[in-house]
Amino acid sequence: MVTLRQLRYFLAVARHGHFGRAAEECNVSQPSLSAQIQALEAMLGVQLIERKRGGIALTEMGKITERRAHDIVTGALDLMDYTRHQASVLTGPLNLGVIPSIAPYLLPRALAQLQERFPGLQLKLRETLTDTLVKEVSAGRLDVALISLPIFRPGLERIRLFDEAFVLLAPAGKAAELRTPAQRNLALASGDLLLLEEGHCMRDQALTFCRGLGADSWRQYGASSLSTITQMVANGYGTTLLPEMAVPTEIHPGAPVAVFRLDEPQPRRTVGLVWRKTSARKRDFVELGRVLTEAACETHAEATTFINNADRSAAEAGMRQ
């Protein structure tokens, strides 16, 4: 009889294209994994994997089996979730993925609330880019992901949690040049905008907004974190768009930067949760979304206070000049 273990090992090999890396993911020795794959092929009576010098490739029957095995394994995971989590909400293991432009800013507040309200929850976090998170949710390696919407992928369900504006961050020395909305838009369209490296959804959102202002080129730095970009702005390398929730964390009192809101229509993103439609834990995800939204509201209030104080200080400085 074909086992879930054999199918899980086979899917790992198909995903990595390498027996060693698949064995590492599955936490077994390579000979053990190879033996299970061979047993699967013998049970099915077909060759699934063509072993080549320097790697492997799926046969045509292997590609068909991969699709069916994916459905079987994720279906079994969803069945286990259904039986484990019917009694109460947010208990037991939950694998949550989060994009890097949200995780450091929203999770510290949200995790404290989750721990207090749901002590039986065993949360495991995975922070990486949107494309990877979506693939891992689809494959059943993650239960749910907190990302920027929209996302369109067959088999996934989503809920919108909240909208969030981006603010303009500039070197403090340029504050006097950015007093009006027109000056701020000009700064964003000037090509002096610092962006995250390719693969970050926030990069694409910033580009879309700035193209609407007439910009067609940007300086490329390939920064992988908002912390790095904030430091570059502080040292005069350019301006950037920063998600509002990052303001209280990234901008410290006395930092040589100026922060401004932009006129409507402001650049913004929609944040939400995605999970497999076949998952039996929708009740958990809705409750998780409620906690995350509450944490986002508190972060928004903190950021608004900071930005209002910064605007007031900039206005007072302008009056003195």
Protein backbone atom coordinates (compact mmCIF):
# COMPACT_ATOMS: atom_id res chain seq x y z
CA MET A 1 0.00 0.00 0.00
CA VAL A 2 1.25 3.47 -0.89
CA THR A 3 1.94 5.51 2.25
CA LEU A 4 1.71 9.22 2.96
CA ARG A 5 5.39 9.13 3.94
CA GLN A 6 6.35 7.86 0.49
CA LEU A 7 4.27 10.55 -1.19
CA ARG A 8 5.71 13.24 1.06
CA TYR A 9 9.27 12.13 0.27
CA PHE A 10 8.47 12.01 -3.45
CA LEU A 11 7.05 15.53 -3.39
CA ALA A 12 10.17 16.80 -1.62
CA VAL A 13 12.40 15.28 -4.30
CA ALA A 14 10.19 16.73 -7.05
CA ARG A 15 10.32 20.17 -5.41
CA HIS A 16 14.08 20.29 -4.86
CA GLY A 17 15.22 18.26 -7.86
CA HIS A 18 17.82 16.74 -5.55
CA PHE A 19 17.77 13.72 -3.22
CA GLY A 20 20.15 15.23 -0.67
CA ARG A 21 18.18 18.44 -0.19
CA ALA A 22 14.91 16.52 -0.08
CA ALA A 23 16.30 14.23 2.63
CA GLU A 24 17.44 17.25 4.62
CA GLU A 25 13.96 18.81 4.44
CA CYS A 26 12.32 15.55 5.51
CA ASN A 27 14.88 15.05 8.28
CA VAL A 28 15.90 11.55 7.12
CA SER A 29 19.03 10.04 5.64
CA GLN A 30 19.37 10.07 1.87
CA PRO A 31 19.50 6.23 1.62
CA SER A 32 16.25 5.99 3.62
CA LEU A 33 14.55 8.53 1.39
CA SER A 34 15.81 6.81 -1.77
CA ALA A 35 14.54 3.45 -0.51
CA GLN A 36 11.07 4.88 0.09
CA ILE A 37 10.99 6.39 -3.42
CA GLN A 38 12.04 3.06 -4.93
CA ALA A 39 9.34 1.29 -2.92
CA LEU A 40 6.78 3.80 -4.21
CA GLU A 41 7.85 3.20 -7.80
CA ALA A 42 7.68 -0.56 -7.28
CA MET A 43 4.21 -0.30 -5.73
CA LEU A 44 2.91 1.82 -8.61
CA GLY A 45 4.76 -0.18 -11.25
CA VAL A 46 6.14 2.90 -13.00
CA GLN A 47 9.31 4.97 -13.04
CA LEU A 48 8.64 8.37 -11.45
CA ILE A 49 12.13 9.86 -11.36
CA GLU A 50 14.84 9.78 -14.00
CA ARG A 51 18.22 9.91 -12.33
CA LYS A 52 20.70 11.99 -14.33
CA ARG A 53 24.25 13.11 -13.82
CA GLY A 54 24.07 16.26 -11.73
CA GLY A 55 20.39 16.00 -10.84
CA ILE A 56 17.06 14.33 -11.44
CA ALA A 57 14.00 14.87 -13.62
CA LEU A 58 10.42 13.69 -13.32
CA THR A 59 9.16 11.31 -15.97
CA GLU A 60 5.80 12.06 -17.59
CA MET A 61 4.16 9.65 -15.16
CA GLY A 62 6.13 11.32 -12.38
CA LYS A 63 4.62 14.70 -13.27
CA ILE A 64 1.11 13.25 -13.18
CA THR A 65 1.84 11.51 -9.89
CA GLU A 66 3.21 14.76 -8.42
CA ARG A 67 -0.11 16.54 -9.00
CA ARG A 68 -2.14 13.70 -7.53
CA ALA A 69 0.24 13.21 -4.62
CA HIS A 70 -0.01 16.91 -3.77
CA ASP A 71 -3.81 16.64 -3.53
CA ILE A 72 -3.60 13.50 -1.39
CA VAL A 73 -1.01 14.87 1.06
CA THR A 74 -2.70 18.26 1.52
CA GLY A 75 -6.07 16.53 1.87
CA ALA A 76 -4.66 14.32 4.63
CA LEU A 77 -3.20 17.37 6.39
CA ASP A 78 -6.54 19.15 6.22
CA LEU A 79 -8.33 16.08 7.61
CA MET A 80 -5.92 15.98 10.55
CA ASP A 81 -6.48 19.70 11.14
CA TYR A 82 -10.23 19.16 11.11
CA THR A 83 -10.15 16.46 13.79
CA ARG A 84 -7.58 18.25 15.96
CA HIS A 85 -9.11 21.72 16.05
CA GLN A 86 -12.87 21.25 16.27
CA ALA A 87 -13.03 21.63 20.04
CA SER A 88 -11.47 25.09 20.41
CA VAL A 89 -10.06 27.97 18.41
CA LEU A 90 -6.32 28.57 17.89
CA THR A 91 -4.91 25.57 19.70
CA GLY A 92 -2.07 23.27 18.74
CA PRO A 93 0.50 23.82 15.97
CA LEU A 94 -0.04 26.57 13.42
CA ASN A 95 2.52 27.43 10.74
CA LEU A 96 2.25 31.11 9.83
CA GLY A 97 4.13 32.79 7.00
CA VAL A 98 4.69 36.56 6.95
CA ILE A 99 6.32 38.91 4.44
CA PRO A 100 9.40 40.88 5.65
CA SER A 101 7.74 44.31 5.33
CA ILE A 102 5.13 43.28 7.91
CA ALA A 103 6.76 40.79 10.28
CA PRO A 104 9.06 43.09 12.35
CA TYR A 105 6.41 45.77 12.77
CA LEU A 106 3.12 44.00 13.42
CA LEU A 107 4.13 40.69 14.97
CA PRO A 108 5.71 41.90 18.24
CA ARG A 109 2.38 43.39 19.33
CA ALA A 110 0.24 40.63 17.81
CA LEU A 111 2.30 37.77 19.25
CA ALA A 112 1.92 39.10 22.78
CA GLN A 113 -1.85 39.26 22.33
CA LEU A 114 -2.00 35.75 20.85
CA GLN A 115 0.03 34.31 23.71
CA GLU A 116 -2.23 35.94 26.27
CA ARG A 117 -5.53 34.96 24.67
CA PHE A 118 -4.63 31.54 23.24
CA PRO A 119 -2.05 29.86 25.50
CA GLY A 120 -2.63 26.52 23.78
CA LEU A 121 -1.46 27.86 20.41
CA GLN A 122 1.92 26.55 19.21
CA LEU A 123 2.88 29.14 16.61
CA LYS A 124 5.71 28.59 14.15
CA LEU A 125 6.78 31.53 11.97
CA ARG A 126 8.28 31.68 8.50
CA GLU A 127 9.38 35.07 7.15
CA THR A 128 10.08 35.26 3.43
CA LEU A 129 8.86 36.70 0.13
CA THR A 130 5.28 36.50 -1.10
CA ASP A 131 5.85 34.04 -3.96
CA THR A 132 7.54 31.56 -1.65
CA LEU A 133 4.85 31.88 1.01
CA VAL A 134 2.04 31.33 -1.48
CA LYS A 135 3.73 28.22 -2.86
CA GLU A 136 4.29 26.82 0.63
CA VAL A 137 0.67 27.44 1.63
CA SER A 138 -0.51 25.68 -1.53
CA ALA A 139 1.81 22.75 -0.83
CA GLY A 140 0.65 22.41 2.77
CA ARG A 141 3.98 23.37 4.33
CA LEU A 142 2.35 26.49 5.76
CA ASP A 143 -1.17 26.73 7.16
CA VAL A 144 -1.73 30.42 6.46
CA ALA A 145 0.22 33.47 5.29
CA LEU A 146 0.01 37.18 6.10
CA ILE A 147 0.74 39.03 2.88
CA SER A 148 -0.17 42.02 0.74
CA LEU A 149 -3.22 41.45 -1.45
CA PRO A 150 -4.40 40.85 -4.08
CA ILE A 151 -3.07 37.41 -4.80
CA PHE A 152 -4.57 35.12 -7.39
CA ARG A 153 -3.76 31.43 -7.16
CA PRO A 154 -6.16 28.52 -7.68
CA GLY A 155 -7.06 26.65 -4.52
CA LEU A 156 -6.45 29.52 -2.10
CA GLU A 157 -8.96 31.47 -0.03
CA ARG A 158 -8.26 34.97 1.29
CA ILE A 159 -9.64 37.59 3.63
CA ARG A 160 -8.84 41.28 3.71
CA LEU A 161 -7.74 42.53 7.14
CA PHE A 162 -6.87 46.22 6.73
CA ASP A 163 -5.51 48.87 4.40
CA GLU A 164 -2.28 50.69 5.16
CA ALA A 165 -0.83 53.90 3.71
CA PHE A 166 2.79 54.46 2.72
CA VAL A 167 4.56 57.61 3.91
CA LEU A 168 7.42 59.53 2.35
CA LEU A 169 10.76 59.31 4.16
CA ALA A 170 13.47 61.84 3.27
CA PRO A 171 16.75 63.12 4.74
CA ALA A 172 16.11 65.76 7.40
CA GLY A 173 18.11 68.28 5.39
CA LYS A 174 15.54 68.12 2.58
CA ALA A 175 12.49 68.75 4.78
CA ALA A 176 12.26 72.40 3.74
CA GLU A 177 12.06 71.31 0.08
CA LEU A 178 9.12 68.98 0.75
CA ARG A 179 6.57 71.23 2.44
CA THR A 180 3.92 70.96 -0.27
CA PRO A 181 2.26 67.90 -1.86
CA ALA A 182 3.61 68.94 -5.25
CA GLN A 183 7.18 69.01 -3.93
CA ARG A 184 6.73 65.57 -2.38
CA ASN A 185 5.36 64.08 -5.59
CA LEU A 186 8.28 65.61 -7.48
CA ALA A 187 10.72 63.97 -5.08
CA LEU A 188 9.11 60.58 -5.73
CA ALA A 189 9.20 61.08 -9.49
CA SER A 190 12.80 62.28 -9.54
CA GLY A 191 14.40 58.85 -9.78
CA ASP A 192 16.02 59.31 -6.36
CA LEU A 193 13.75 56.70 -4.76
CA LEU A 194 15.37 53.86 -2.81
CA LEU A 195 13.64 50.51 -3.27
CA LEU A 196 13.79 47.01 -1.86
CA GLU A 197 15.36 44.40 -4.11
CA GLU A 198 13.32 42.50 -6.68
CA GLY A 199 10.91 39.93 -5.29
CA HIS A 200 9.48 42.17 -2.58
CA CYS A 201 5.85 43.02 -3.26
CA MET A 202 6.35 46.43 -1.67
CA ARG A 203 8.85 47.29 -4.39
CA ASP A 204 6.22 46.63 -7.04
CA GLN A 205 3.64 48.71 -5.16
CA ALA A 206 6.06 51.65 -4.89
CA LEU A 207 6.95 51.42 -8.58
CA THR A 208 3.30 51.39 -9.60
CA PHE A 209 2.59 54.54 -7.59
CA CYS A 210 5.68 56.40 -8.79
CA ARG A 211 5.06 55.54 -12.44
CA GLY A 212 1.69 57.22 -11.98
CA LEU A 213 3.63 60.39 -11.08
CA GLY A 214 5.67 60.22 -14.28
CA ALA A 215 8.83 58.51 -12.99
CA ASP A 216 10.54 56.08 -15.34
CA SER A 217 13.89 55.26 -13.71
CA TRP A 218 15.26 54.59 -10.22
CA ARG A 219 18.60 54.21 -8.53
CA GLN A 220 19.21 50.55 -7.80
CA TYR A 221 20.62 49.45 -4.43
CA GLY A 222 19.14 46.00 -3.92
CA ALA A 223 18.46 46.47 -0.21
CA SER A 224 16.74 43.48 1.39
CA SER A 225 15.28 45.24 4.43
CA LEU A 226 13.49 48.47 5.29
CA SER A 227 15.98 49.01 8.11
CA THR A 228 18.81 49.25 5.58
CA ILE A 229 16.85 51.63 3.36
CA THR A 230 15.96 53.84 6.35
CA GLN A 231 19.64 54.13 7.23
CA MET A 232 20.47 55.03 3.64
CA VAL A 233 17.85 57.79 3.69
CA ALA A 234 19.24 59.07 7.00
CA ASN A 235 22.65 59.35 5.36
CA GLY A 236 21.38 61.34 2.40
CA TYR A 237 21.27 58.69 -0.33
CA GLY A 238 17.69 59.41 -1.40
CA THR A 239 14.05 59.11 -0.38
CA THR A 240 11.78 56.10 0.07
CA LEU A 241 8.23 55.01 0.70
CA LEU A 242 7.79 53.40 4.10
CA PRO A 243 4.74 51.44 5.28
CA GLU A 244 3.03 53.33 8.06
CA MET A 245 3.40 50.44 10.54
CA ALA A 246 7.20 50.64 10.20
CA VAL A 247 7.42 54.25 11.36
CA PRO A 248 7.48 53.68 15.16
CA THR A 249 10.15 50.98 14.81
CA GLU A 250 12.43 52.36 12.11
CA ILE A 251 12.43 56.10 12.96
CA HIS A 252 13.97 56.87 16.30
CA PRO A 253 13.73 60.23 18.10
CA GLY A 254 16.45 62.52 16.81
CA ALA A 255 17.04 60.48 13.65
CA PRO A 256 18.14 62.71 10.74
CA VAL A 257 15.06 61.96 8.65
CA ALA A 258 11.75 63.67 7.87
CA VAL A 259 8.48 61.80 7.38
CA PHE A 260 5.50 63.09 5.41
CA ARG A 261 2.05 61.88 4.50
CA LEU A 262 1.10 62.14 0.84
CA ASP A 263 -2.09 63.59 -0.61
CA GLU A 264 -4.93 61.39 -1.80
CA PRO A 265 -4.92 59.12 -3.55
CA GLN A 266 -2.20 57.97 -1.17
CA PRO A 267 -0.05 54.98 -2.04
CA ARG A 268 -1.30 52.11 0.08
CA ARG A 269 -1.50 48.37 0.36
CA THR A 270 -4.17 45.91 1.43
CA VAL A 271 -3.01 43.32 3.98
CA GLY A 272 -4.75 39.99 4.36
CA LEU A 273 -4.48 36.27 5.08
CA VAL A 274 -4.44 33.42 2.56
CA TRP A 275 -4.92 29.69 3.14
CA ARG A 276 -5.95 26.57 1.23
CA LYS A 277 -9.64 26.36 0.42
CA THR A 278 -9.60 22.76 1.59
CA SER A 279 -8.30 23.68 5.06
CA ALA A 280 -10.67 22.95 7.93
CA ARG A 281 -9.22 25.76 10.05
CA LYS A 282 -11.01 28.77 8.62
CA ARG A 283 -12.38 29.55 12.08
CA ASP A 284 -8.79 29.74 13.37
CA PHE A 285 -7.70 32.00 10.53
CA VAL A 286 -10.60 34.39 11.00
CA GLU A 287 -9.79 34.71 14.70
CA LEU A 288 -6.10 35.15 13.90
CA GLY A 289 -7.06 37.90 11.47
CA ARG A 290 -9.09 39.62 14.18
CA VAL A 291 -6.07 39.73 16.49
CA LEU A 292 -3.77 40.95 13.72
CA THR A 293 -6.22 43.70 12.79
CA GLU A 294 -6.44 44.89 16.39
CA ALA A 295 -2.64 45.01 16.58
CA ALA A 296 -2.55 46.95 13.29
CA CYS A 297 -5.02 49.52 14.66
CA GLU A 298 -2.80 50.09 17.69
CA THR A 299 0.27 50.41 15.48
CA HIS A 300 -1.59 52.86 13.22
CA ALA A 301 -2.45 55.05 16.21
CA GLU A 302 1.18 55.06 17.34
CA ALA A 303 2.43 55.89 13.84
CA THR A 304 -0.15 58.68 13.45
CA THR A 305 0.99 60.33 16.66
CA PHE A 306 4.60 60.14 15.52
CA ILE A 307 3.87 61.56 12.05
CA ASN A 308 1.67 64.36 13.41
CA ASN A 309 4.42 65.40 15.81
CA ALA A 310 6.94 65.30 12.97
CA ASP A 311 4.66 67.46 10.77
CA ARG A 312 4.23 69.95 13.60
CA SER A 313 7.98 70.16 14.19
CA ALA A 314 8.63 70.65 10.44
CA ALA A 315 6.03 73.42 10.29
CA GLU A 316 7.51 75.20 13.29
CA ALA A 317 10.97 74.93 11.77
CA GLY A 318 9.63 76.38 8.53
CA MET A 319 8.12 79.34 10.32
CA ARG A 320 11.42 80.14 11.99
CA GLN A 321 13.22 80.28 8.64
